Full PDB file with SEQRES, HELIX, SHEET, SSBOND, CRYST1, ORIGX, SCALE, CONECT and MASTER records, all heavy atoms in Angstrom:
SEQRES   1 A   37  LEU ALA GLY GLY PRO PRO TYR ARG PRO GLY LEU ILE LEU          
SEQRES   2 A   37  ASP ALA GLU GLN GLY GLN ALA ILE GLU VAL GLU VAL TRP          
SEQRES   3 A   37  SER VAL PRO SER ALA HIS PHE GLY SER PHE VAL                  
HELIX    1 AA1 SER A   30  PHE A   36  1                                   7    
CRYST1    1.000    1.000    1.000  90.00  90.00  90.00 P 1           1          
ORIGX1      1.000000  0.000000  0.000000        0.00000                         
ORIGX2      0.000000  1.000000  0.000000        0.00000                         
ORIGX3      0.000000  0.000000  1.000000        0.00000                         
SCALE1      1.000000  0.000000  0.000000        0.00000                         
SCALE2      0.000000  1.000000  0.000000        0.00000                         
SCALE3      0.000000  0.000000  1.000000        0.00000                         
ATOM      1  N   LEU A   1      59.908 113.229  23.119  1.00  0.00           N  
ATOM      2  CA  LEU A   1      59.950 112.552  21.788  1.00  0.00           C  
ATOM      3  C   LEU A   1      59.071 113.371  20.816  1.00  0.00           C  
ATOM      4  O   LEU A   1      58.194 114.086  21.236  1.00  0.00           O  
ATOM      5  CB  LEU A   1      59.377 111.126  21.876  1.00  0.00           C  
ATOM      6  CG  LEU A   1      60.128 110.185  22.824  1.00  0.00           C  
ATOM      7  CD1 LEU A   1      59.428 108.807  22.802  1.00  0.00           C  
ATOM      8  CD2 LEU A   1      61.614 109.993  22.322  1.00  0.00           C  
ATOM      9  N   ALA A   2      59.422 113.232  19.582  1.00  0.00           N  
ATOM     10  CA  ALA A   2      58.738 113.951  18.548  1.00  0.00           C  
ATOM     11  C   ALA A   2      57.377 113.286  18.395  1.00  0.00           C  
ATOM     12  O   ALA A   2      57.196 112.109  18.734  1.00  0.00           O  
ATOM     13  CB  ALA A   2      59.428 113.815  17.215  1.00  0.00           C  
ATOM     14  N   GLY A   3      56.336 114.082  17.872  1.00  0.00           N  
ATOM     15  CA  GLY A   3      55.103 113.512  17.530  1.00  0.00           C  
ATOM     16  C   GLY A   3      54.115 113.806  18.714  1.00  0.00           C  
ATOM     17  O   GLY A   3      54.407 114.582  19.702  1.00  0.00           O  
ATOM     18  N   GLY A   4      52.910 113.271  18.612  1.00  0.00           N  
ATOM     19  CA  GLY A   4      51.843 113.509  19.519  1.00  0.00           C  
ATOM     20  C   GLY A   4      50.845 114.456  18.979  1.00  0.00           C  
ATOM     21  O   GLY A   4      51.004 114.985  17.891  1.00  0.00           O  
ATOM     22  N   PRO A   5      49.734 114.688  19.725  1.00  0.00           N  
ATOM     23  CA  PRO A   5      49.438 114.125  21.036  1.00  0.00           C  
ATOM     24  C   PRO A   5      49.100 112.709  20.962  1.00  0.00           C  
ATOM     25  O   PRO A   5      48.639 112.224  19.897  1.00  0.00           O  
ATOM     26  CB  PRO A   5      48.359 114.996  21.523  1.00  0.00           C  
ATOM     27  CG  PRO A   5      47.478 115.464  20.273  1.00  0.00           C  
ATOM     28  CD  PRO A   5      48.560 115.484  19.200  1.00  0.00           C  
ATOM     29  N   PRO A   6      49.125 111.967  22.142  1.00  0.00           N  
ATOM     30  CA  PRO A   6      49.622 112.469  23.418  1.00  0.00           C  
ATOM     31  C   PRO A   6      51.204 112.573  23.393  1.00  0.00           C  
ATOM     32  O   PRO A   6      51.841 111.717  22.686  1.00  0.00           O  
ATOM     33  CB  PRO A   6      49.244 111.349  24.409  1.00  0.00           C  
ATOM     34  CG  PRO A   6      49.284 110.068  23.623  1.00  0.00           C  
ATOM     35  CD  PRO A   6      48.834 110.527  22.225  1.00  0.00           C  
ATOM     36  N   TYR A   7      51.815 113.632  24.013  1.00  0.00           N  
ATOM     37  CA  TYR A   7      53.185 113.779  23.972  1.00  0.00           C  
ATOM     38  C   TYR A   7      53.806 112.889  25.069  1.00  0.00           C  
ATOM     39  O   TYR A   7      53.331 112.596  26.137  1.00  0.00           O  
ATOM     40  CB  TYR A   7      53.400 115.314  24.350  1.00  0.00           C  
ATOM     41  CG  TYR A   7      52.860 116.211  23.416  1.00  0.00           C  
ATOM     42  CD1 TYR A   7      51.790 116.954  23.696  1.00  0.00           C  
ATOM     43  CD2 TYR A   7      53.316 116.357  22.067  1.00  0.00           C  
ATOM     44  CE1 TYR A   7      51.165 117.825  22.734  1.00  0.00           C  
ATOM     45  CE2 TYR A   7      52.787 117.170  21.115  1.00  0.00           C  
ATOM     46  CZ  TYR A   7      51.634 117.854  21.506  1.00  0.00           C  
ATOM     47  OH  TYR A   7      51.034 118.639  20.590  1.00  0.00           O  
ATOM     48  N   ARG A   8      54.938 112.289  24.606  1.00  0.00           N  
ATOM     49  CA  ARG A   8      55.549 111.240  25.510  1.00  0.00           C  
ATOM     50  C   ARG A   8      57.021 111.411  25.631  1.00  0.00           C  
ATOM     51  O   ARG A   8      57.649 111.955  24.724  1.00  0.00           O  
ATOM     52  CB  ARG A   8      55.337 109.853  24.705  1.00  0.00           C  
ATOM     53  CG  ARG A   8      53.890 109.480  24.578  1.00  0.00           C  
ATOM     54  CD  ARG A   8      53.735 108.255  23.639  1.00  0.00           C  
ATOM     55  NE  ARG A   8      54.212 108.641  22.298  1.00  0.00           N  
ATOM     56  CZ  ARG A   8      54.300 107.667  21.326  1.00  0.00           C  
ATOM     57  NH1 ARG A   8      54.067 106.415  21.619  1.00  0.00           N  
ATOM     58  NH2 ARG A   8      54.770 107.995  20.195  1.00  0.00           N  
ATOM     59  N   PRO A   9      57.537 111.043  26.813  1.00  0.00           N  
ATOM     60  CA  PRO A   9      59.018 111.152  27.009  1.00  0.00           C  
ATOM     61  C   PRO A   9      59.698 109.796  26.700  1.00  0.00           C  
ATOM     62  O   PRO A   9      58.968 108.729  26.702  1.00  0.00           O  
ATOM     63  CB  PRO A   9      59.123 111.403  28.457  1.00  0.00           C  
ATOM     64  CG  PRO A   9      57.912 110.721  29.057  1.00  0.00           C  
ATOM     65  CD  PRO A   9      56.817 110.797  28.033  1.00  0.00           C  
ATOM     66  N   GLY A  10      60.973 109.852  26.562  1.00  0.00           N  
ATOM     67  CA  GLY A  10      61.761 108.536  26.308  1.00  0.00           C  
ATOM     68  C   GLY A  10      62.744 108.557  27.413  1.00  0.00           C  
ATOM     69  O   GLY A  10      63.522 109.580  27.627  1.00  0.00           O  
ATOM     70  N   LEU A  11      62.945 107.422  28.126  1.00  0.00           N  
ATOM     71  CA  LEU A  11      63.910 107.234  29.127  1.00  0.00           C  
ATOM     72  C   LEU A  11      65.080 106.507  28.635  1.00  0.00           C  
ATOM     73  O   LEU A  11      64.887 105.316  28.157  1.00  0.00           O  
ATOM     74  CB  LEU A  11      63.253 106.622  30.430  1.00  0.00           C  
ATOM     75  CG  LEU A  11      64.015 106.608  31.728  1.00  0.00           C  
ATOM     76  CD1 LEU A  11      64.144 108.132  32.208  1.00  0.00           C  
ATOM     77  CD2 LEU A  11      63.420 105.799  32.726  1.00  0.00           C  
ATOM     78  N   ILE A  12      66.296 106.997  28.816  1.00  0.00           N  
ATOM     79  CA  ILE A  12      67.440 106.364  28.246  1.00  0.00           C  
ATOM     80  C   ILE A  12      68.511 106.189  29.331  1.00  0.00           C  
ATOM     81  O   ILE A  12      68.784 107.026  30.131  1.00  0.00           O  
ATOM     82  CB  ILE A  12      68.115 107.181  27.113  1.00  0.00           C  
ATOM     83  CG1 ILE A  12      67.124 107.417  25.888  1.00  0.00           C  
ATOM     84  CG2 ILE A  12      69.408 106.544  26.653  1.00  0.00           C  
ATOM     85  CD1 ILE A  12      66.881 106.201  25.142  1.00  0.00           C  
ATOM     86  N   LEU A  13      69.182 105.013  29.476  1.00  0.00           N  
ATOM     87  CA  LEU A  13      70.186 104.695  30.370  1.00  0.00           C  
ATOM     88  C   LEU A  13      71.409 105.453  30.025  1.00  0.00           C  
ATOM     89  O   LEU A  13      71.865 105.410  28.830  1.00  0.00           O  
ATOM     90  CB  LEU A  13      70.398 103.122  30.461  1.00  0.00           C  
ATOM     91  CG  LEU A  13      71.537 102.762  31.440  1.00  0.00           C  
ATOM     92  CD1 LEU A  13      71.220 103.159  32.834  1.00  0.00           C  
ATOM     93  CD2 LEU A  13      71.861 101.375  31.281  1.00  0.00           C  
ATOM     94  N   ASP A  14      71.974 106.269  30.932  1.00  0.00           N  
ATOM     95  CA  ASP A  14      73.224 106.972  30.698  1.00  0.00           C  
ATOM     96  C   ASP A  14      74.009 107.103  32.050  1.00  0.00           C  
ATOM     97  O   ASP A  14      73.807 107.995  32.858  1.00  0.00           O  
ATOM     98  CB  ASP A  14      72.943 108.389  30.158  1.00  0.00           C  
ATOM     99  CG  ASP A  14      74.263 109.090  29.670  1.00  0.00           C  
ATOM    100  OD1 ASP A  14      75.343 108.770  30.189  1.00  0.00           O  
ATOM    101  OD2 ASP A  14      74.081 109.985  28.915  1.00  0.00           O  
ATOM    102  N   ALA A  15      74.806 106.106  32.289  1.00  0.00           N  
ATOM    103  CA  ALA A  15      75.471 105.953  33.570  1.00  0.00           C  
ATOM    104  C   ALA A  15      76.387 107.198  33.852  1.00  0.00           C  
ATOM    105  O   ALA A  15      76.646 107.542  35.048  1.00  0.00           O  
ATOM    106  CB  ALA A  15      76.295 104.675  33.710  1.00  0.00           C  
ATOM    107  N   GLU A  16      76.908 107.740  32.845  1.00  0.00           N  
ATOM    108  CA  GLU A  16      77.973 108.849  33.078  1.00  0.00           C  
ATOM    109  C   GLU A  16      77.315 110.212  33.200  1.00  0.00           C  
ATOM    110  O   GLU A  16      77.836 111.080  34.052  1.00  0.00           O  
ATOM    111  CB  GLU A  16      78.906 108.834  31.906  1.00  0.00           C  
ATOM    112  CG  GLU A  16      79.724 107.577  31.723  1.00  0.00           C  
ATOM    113  CD  GLU A  16      80.695 107.611  30.566  1.00  0.00           C  
ATOM    114  OE1 GLU A  16      80.767 108.662  29.949  1.00  0.00           O  
ATOM    115  OE2 GLU A  16      81.490 106.619  30.406  1.00  0.00           O  
ATOM    116  N   GLN A  17      76.149 110.609  32.412  1.00  0.00           N  
ATOM    117  CA  GLN A  17      75.714 111.878  32.507  1.00  0.00           C  
ATOM    118  C   GLN A  17      74.260 111.915  32.984  1.00  0.00           C  
ATOM    119  O   GLN A  17      73.492 112.932  32.783  1.00  0.00           O  
ATOM    120  CB  GLN A  17      75.725 112.567  31.114  1.00  0.00           C  
ATOM    121  CG  GLN A  17      77.193 112.623  30.607  1.00  0.00           C  
ATOM    122  CD  GLN A  17      77.281 113.397  29.211  1.00  0.00           C  
ATOM    123  OE1 GLN A  17      76.827 114.463  29.102  1.00  0.00           O  
ATOM    124  NE2 GLN A  17      77.903 112.624  28.184  1.00  0.00           N  
ATOM    125  N   GLY A  18      73.760 110.823  33.498  1.00  0.00           N  
ATOM    126  CA  GLY A  18      72.396 110.728  33.958  1.00  0.00           C  
ATOM    127  C   GLY A  18      72.075 111.443  35.220  1.00  0.00           C  
ATOM    128  O   GLY A  18      72.972 111.858  35.923  1.00  0.00           O  
ATOM    129  N   GLN A  19      70.800 111.420  35.575  1.00  0.00           N  
ATOM    130  CA  GLN A  19      70.357 112.001  36.953  1.00  0.00           C  
ATOM    131  C   GLN A  19      69.101 111.234  37.331  1.00  0.00           C  
ATOM    132  O   GLN A  19      68.578 110.541  36.512  1.00  0.00           O  
ATOM    133  CB  GLN A  19      70.233 113.447  36.869  1.00  0.00           C  
ATOM    134  CG  GLN A  19      69.034 114.003  36.133  1.00  0.00           C  
ATOM    135  CD  GLN A  19      68.930 115.499  36.241  1.00  0.00           C  
ATOM    136  OE1 GLN A  19      69.811 116.294  35.866  1.00  0.00           O  
ATOM    137  NE2 GLN A  19      67.807 115.967  36.731  1.00  0.00           N  
ATOM    138  N   ALA A  20      68.621 111.595  38.488  1.00  0.00           N  
ATOM    139  CA  ALA A  20      67.384 110.905  39.015  1.00  0.00           C  
ATOM    140  C   ALA A  20      66.211 111.539  38.321  1.00  0.00           C  
ATOM    141  O   ALA A  20      66.123 112.810  38.085  1.00  0.00           O  
ATOM    142  CB  ALA A  20      67.236 111.149  40.542  1.00  0.00           C  
ATOM    143  N   ILE A  21      65.241 110.735  37.873  1.00  0.00           N  
ATOM    144  CA  ILE A  21      64.016 111.202  37.140  1.00  0.00           C  
ATOM    145  C   ILE A  21      62.852 110.839  37.890  1.00  0.00           C  
ATOM    146  O   ILE A  21      62.747 109.585  38.450  1.00  0.00           O  
ATOM    147  CB  ILE A  21      64.026 110.580  35.711  1.00  0.00           C  
ATOM    148  CG1 ILE A  21      65.183 110.942  34.880  1.00  0.00           C  
ATOM    149  CG2 ILE A  21      62.735 110.974  35.031  1.00  0.00           C  
ATOM    150  CD1 ILE A  21      65.389 112.376  34.603  1.00  0.00           C  
ATOM    151  N   GLU A  22      61.811 111.655  38.087  1.00  0.00           N  
ATOM    152  CA  GLU A  22      60.627 111.366  38.876  1.00  0.00           C  
ATOM    153  C   GLU A  22      59.857 110.226  38.073  1.00  0.00           C  
ATOM    154  O   GLU A  22      59.623 110.324  36.841  1.00  0.00           O  
ATOM    155  CB  GLU A  22      59.700 112.635  38.868  1.00  0.00           C  
ATOM    156  CG  GLU A  22      58.431 112.404  39.526  1.00  0.00           C  
ATOM    157  CD  GLU A  22      57.377 113.445  39.223  1.00  0.00           C  
ATOM    158  OE1 GLU A  22      57.661 114.346  38.368  1.00  0.00           O  
ATOM    159  OE2 GLU A  22      56.350 113.450  39.827  1.00  0.00           O  
ATOM    160  N   VAL A  23      59.388 109.201  38.852  1.00  0.00           N  
ATOM    161  CA  VAL A  23      58.671 108.093  38.292  1.00  0.00           C  
ATOM    162  C   VAL A  23      57.575 107.603  39.260  1.00  0.00           C  
ATOM    163  O   VAL A  23      57.593 108.027  40.371  1.00  0.00           O  
ATOM    164  CB  VAL A  23      59.602 107.006  37.909  1.00  0.00           C  
ATOM    165  CG1 VAL A  23      60.587 107.257  36.885  1.00  0.00           C  
ATOM    166  CG2 VAL A  23      60.261 106.346  39.218  1.00  0.00           C  
ATOM    167  N   GLU A  24      56.710 106.807  38.841  1.00  0.00           N  
ATOM    168  CA  GLU A  24      55.711 106.178  39.640  1.00  0.00           C  
ATOM    169  C   GLU A  24      55.802 104.624  39.371  1.00  0.00           C  
ATOM    170  O   GLU A  24      56.111 104.225  38.288  1.00  0.00           O  
ATOM    171  CB  GLU A  24      54.286 106.589  39.338  1.00  0.00           C  
ATOM    172  CG  GLU A  24      53.997 107.953  39.863  1.00  0.00           C  
ATOM    173  CD  GLU A  24      52.497 108.424  39.493  1.00  0.00           C  
ATOM    174  OE1 GLU A  24      51.844 107.743  38.680  1.00  0.00           O  
ATOM    175  OE2 GLU A  24      52.195 109.582  39.904  1.00  0.00           O  
ATOM    176  N   VAL A  25      55.661 103.874  40.349  1.00  0.00           N  
ATOM    177  CA  VAL A  25      55.503 102.389  40.245  1.00  0.00           C  
ATOM    178  C   VAL A  25      54.031 101.974  40.422  1.00  0.00           C  
ATOM    179  O   VAL A  25      53.514 102.223  41.595  1.00  0.00           O  
ATOM    180  CB  VAL A  25      56.472 101.574  41.185  1.00  0.00           C  
ATOM    181  CG1 VAL A  25      56.262 100.145  41.046  1.00  0.00           C  
ATOM    182  CG2 VAL A  25      57.910 102.076  40.901  1.00  0.00           C  
ATOM    183  N   TRP A  26      53.522 101.287  39.564  1.00  0.00           N  
ATOM    184  CA  TRP A  26      52.128 100.726  39.507  1.00  0.00           C  
ATOM    185  C   TRP A  26      52.135  99.294  39.591  1.00  0.00           C  
ATOM    186  O   TRP A  26      52.993  98.585  38.961  1.00  0.00           O  
ATOM    187  CB  TRP A  26      51.327 101.223  38.412  1.00  0.00           C  
ATOM    188  CG  TRP A  26      50.999 102.705  38.418  1.00  0.00           C  
ATOM    189  CD1 TRP A  26      51.861 103.745  38.262  1.00  0.00           C  
ATOM    190  CD2 TRP A  26      49.738 103.254  38.675  1.00  0.00           C  
ATOM    191  NE1 TRP A  26      51.175 104.939  38.324  1.00  0.00           N  
ATOM    192  CE2 TRP A  26      49.843 104.682  38.679  1.00  0.00           C  
ATOM    193  CE3 TRP A  26      48.448 102.711  38.882  1.00  0.00           C  
ATOM    194  CZ2 TRP A  26      48.767 105.440  38.874  1.00  0.00           C  
ATOM    195  CZ3 TRP A  26      47.312 103.587  39.056  1.00  0.00           C  
ATOM    196  CH2 TRP A  26      47.566 104.881  39.078  1.00  0.00           C  
ATOM    197  N   SER A  27      51.228  98.655  40.328  1.00  0.00           N  
ATOM    198  CA  SER A  27      51.122  97.171  40.432  1.00  0.00           C  
ATOM    199  C   SER A  27      50.025  96.840  39.482  1.00  0.00           C  
ATOM    200  O   SER A  27      48.790  97.167  39.639  1.00  0.00           O  
ATOM    201  CB  SER A  27      50.711  96.802  41.845  1.00  0.00           C  
ATOM    202  OG  SER A  27      51.800  97.024  42.735  1.00  0.00           O  
ATOM    203  N   VAL A  28      50.413  96.097  38.402  1.00  0.00           N  
ATOM    204  CA  VAL A  28      49.405  95.669  37.297  1.00  0.00           C  
ATOM    205  C   VAL A  28      49.091  94.205  37.555  1.00  0.00           C  
ATOM    206  O   VAL A  28      49.938  93.337  37.653  1.00  0.00           O  
ATOM    207  CB  VAL A  28      50.020  95.896  36.027  1.00  0.00           C  
ATOM    208  CG1 VAL A  28      49.065  95.443  34.987  1.00  0.00           C  
ATOM    209  CG2 VAL A  28      50.459  97.318  35.786  1.00  0.00           C  
ATOM    210  N   PRO A  29      47.815  93.781  37.564  1.00  0.00           N  
ATOM    211  CA  PRO A  29      47.365  92.410  37.674  1.00  0.00           C  
ATOM    212  C   PRO A  29      48.097  91.540  36.605  1.00  0.00           C  
ATOM    213  O   PRO A  29      48.106  91.924  35.454  1.00  0.00           O  
ATOM    214  CB  PRO A  29      45.908  92.399  37.499  1.00  0.00           C  
ATOM    215  CG  PRO A  29      45.537  93.740  37.960  1.00  0.00           C  
ATOM    216  CD  PRO A  29      46.629  94.652  37.561  1.00  0.00           C  
ATOM    217  N   SER A  30      48.685  90.399  36.993  1.00  0.00           N  
ATOM    218  CA  SER A  30      49.347  89.647  35.948  1.00  0.00           C  
ATOM    219  C   SER A  30      48.615  89.212  34.821  1.00  0.00           C  
ATOM    220  O   SER A  30      49.087  89.166  33.699  1.00  0.00           O  
ATOM    221  CB  SER A  30      50.023  88.364  36.660  1.00  0.00           C  
ATOM    222  OG  SER A  30      50.750  88.676  37.791  1.00  0.00           O  
ATOM    223  N   ALA A  31      47.287  88.968  35.051  1.00  0.00           N  
ATOM    224  CA  ALA A  31      46.339  88.553  33.891  1.00  0.00           C  
ATOM    225  C   ALA A  31      46.215  89.601  32.878  1.00  0.00           C  
ATOM    226  O   ALA A  31      45.821  89.337  31.756  1.00  0.00           O  
ATOM    227  CB  ALA A  31      45.014  88.159  34.537  1.00  0.00           C  
ATOM    228  N   HIS A  32      46.510  90.844  33.237  1.00  0.00           N  
ATOM    229  CA  HIS A  32      46.282  92.029  32.281  1.00  0.00           C  
ATOM    230  C   HIS A  32      47.522  92.613  31.856  1.00  0.00           C  
ATOM    231  O   HIS A  32      47.591  93.524  31.034  1.00  0.00           O  
ATOM    232  CB  HIS A  32      45.461  93.091  33.014  1.00  0.00           C  
ATOM    233  CG  HIS A  32      44.108  92.671  33.381  1.00  0.00           C  
ATOM    234  ND1 HIS A  32      43.062  92.471  32.496  1.00  0.00           N  
ATOM    235  CD2 HIS A  32      43.522  92.352  34.688  1.00  0.00           C  
ATOM    236  CE1 HIS A  32      41.985  91.993  33.172  1.00  0.00           C  
ATOM    237  NE2 HIS A  32      42.286  91.988  34.401  1.00  0.00           N  
ATOM    238  N   PHE A  33      48.781  92.101  32.317  1.00  0.00           N  
ATOM    239  CA  PHE A  33      50.091  92.643  31.995  1.00  0.00           C  
ATOM    240  C   PHE A  33      50.333  92.589  30.530  1.00  0.00           C  
ATOM    241  O   PHE A  33      50.744  93.542  29.848  1.00  0.00           O  
ATOM    242  CB  PHE A  33      51.144  92.020  32.758  1.00  0.00           C  
ATOM    243  CG  PHE A  33      52.477  92.587  32.492  1.00  0.00           C  
ATOM    244  CD1 PHE A  33      52.906  93.813  32.986  1.00  0.00           C  
ATOM    245  CD2 PHE A  33      53.419  91.804  31.608  1.00  0.00           C  
ATOM    246  CE1 PHE A  33      54.217  94.310  32.671  1.00  0.00           C  
ATOM    247  CE2 PHE A  33      54.681  92.303  31.475  1.00  0.00           C  
ATOM    248  CZ  PHE A  33      55.073  93.475  31.963  1.00  0.00           C  
ATOM    249  N   GLY A  34      49.996  91.381  29.980  1.00  0.00           N  
ATOM    250  CA  GLY A  34      50.337  91.190  28.486  1.00  0.00           C  
ATOM    251  C   GLY A  34      49.458  92.103  27.584  1.00  0.00           C  
ATOM    252  O   GLY A  34      50.077  92.673  26.640  1.00  0.00           O  
ATOM    253  N   SER A  35      48.208  92.304  27.869  1.00  0.00           N  
ATOM    254  CA  SER A  35      47.449  93.202  27.055  1.00  0.00           C  
ATOM    255  C   SER A  35      47.811  94.617  27.204  1.00  0.00           C  
ATOM    256  O   SER A  35      47.739  95.429  26.310  1.00  0.00           O  
ATOM    257  CB  SER A  35      45.993  93.055  27.346  1.00  0.00           C  
ATOM    258  OG  SER A  35      45.622  93.272  28.702  1.00  0.00           O  
ATOM    259  N   PHE A  36      48.259  95.038  28.453  1.00  0.00           N  
ATOM    260  CA  PHE A  36      48.791  96.380  28.687  1.00  0.00           C  
ATOM    261  C   PHE A  36      50.004  96.618  27.893  1.00  0.00           C  
ATOM    262  O   PHE A  36      50.226  97.653  27.152  1.00  0.00           O  
ATOM    263  CB  PHE A  36      48.992  96.637  30.119  1.00  0.00           C  
ATOM    264  CG  PHE A  36      49.589  97.979  30.498  1.00  0.00           C  
ATOM    265  CD1 PHE A  36      48.852  99.076  30.260  1.00  0.00           C  
ATOM    266  CD2 PHE A  36      50.903  97.943  30.922  1.00  0.00           C  
ATOM    267  CE1 PHE A  36      49.549 100.320  30.539  1.00  0.00           C  
ATOM    268  CE2 PHE A  36      51.582  99.152  31.288  1.00  0.00           C  
ATOM    269  CZ  PHE A  36      50.863 100.390  31.062  1.00  0.00           C  
ATOM    270  N   VAL A  37      50.969  95.700  27.899  1.00  0.00           N  
ATOM    271  CA  VAL A  37      52.292  95.847  27.246  1.00  0.00           C  
ATOM    272  C   VAL A  37      52.015  95.889  25.678  1.00  0.00           C  
ATOM    273  O   VAL A  37      52.717  96.557  24.986  1.00  0.00           O  
ATOM    274  CB  VAL A  37      53.222  94.809  27.631  1.00  0.00           C  
ATOM    275  CG1 VAL A  37      54.447  94.749  26.742  1.00  0.00           C  
ATOM    276  CG2 VAL A  37      53.631  94.863  29.127  1.00  0.00           C  
TER     277      VAL A  37                                                      
MASTER        0    0    0    1    0    0    0    6  276    1    0    3          
END                                                                             
């Protein structure tokens, strides 16, 4: 994406021309999810 720092990517759904993208899954305490989002 344009802008930064911090430089950031944007993930877009594209069922026809997409591919697998490296990601991580983190477990966020429910009590803190709202403030994180």
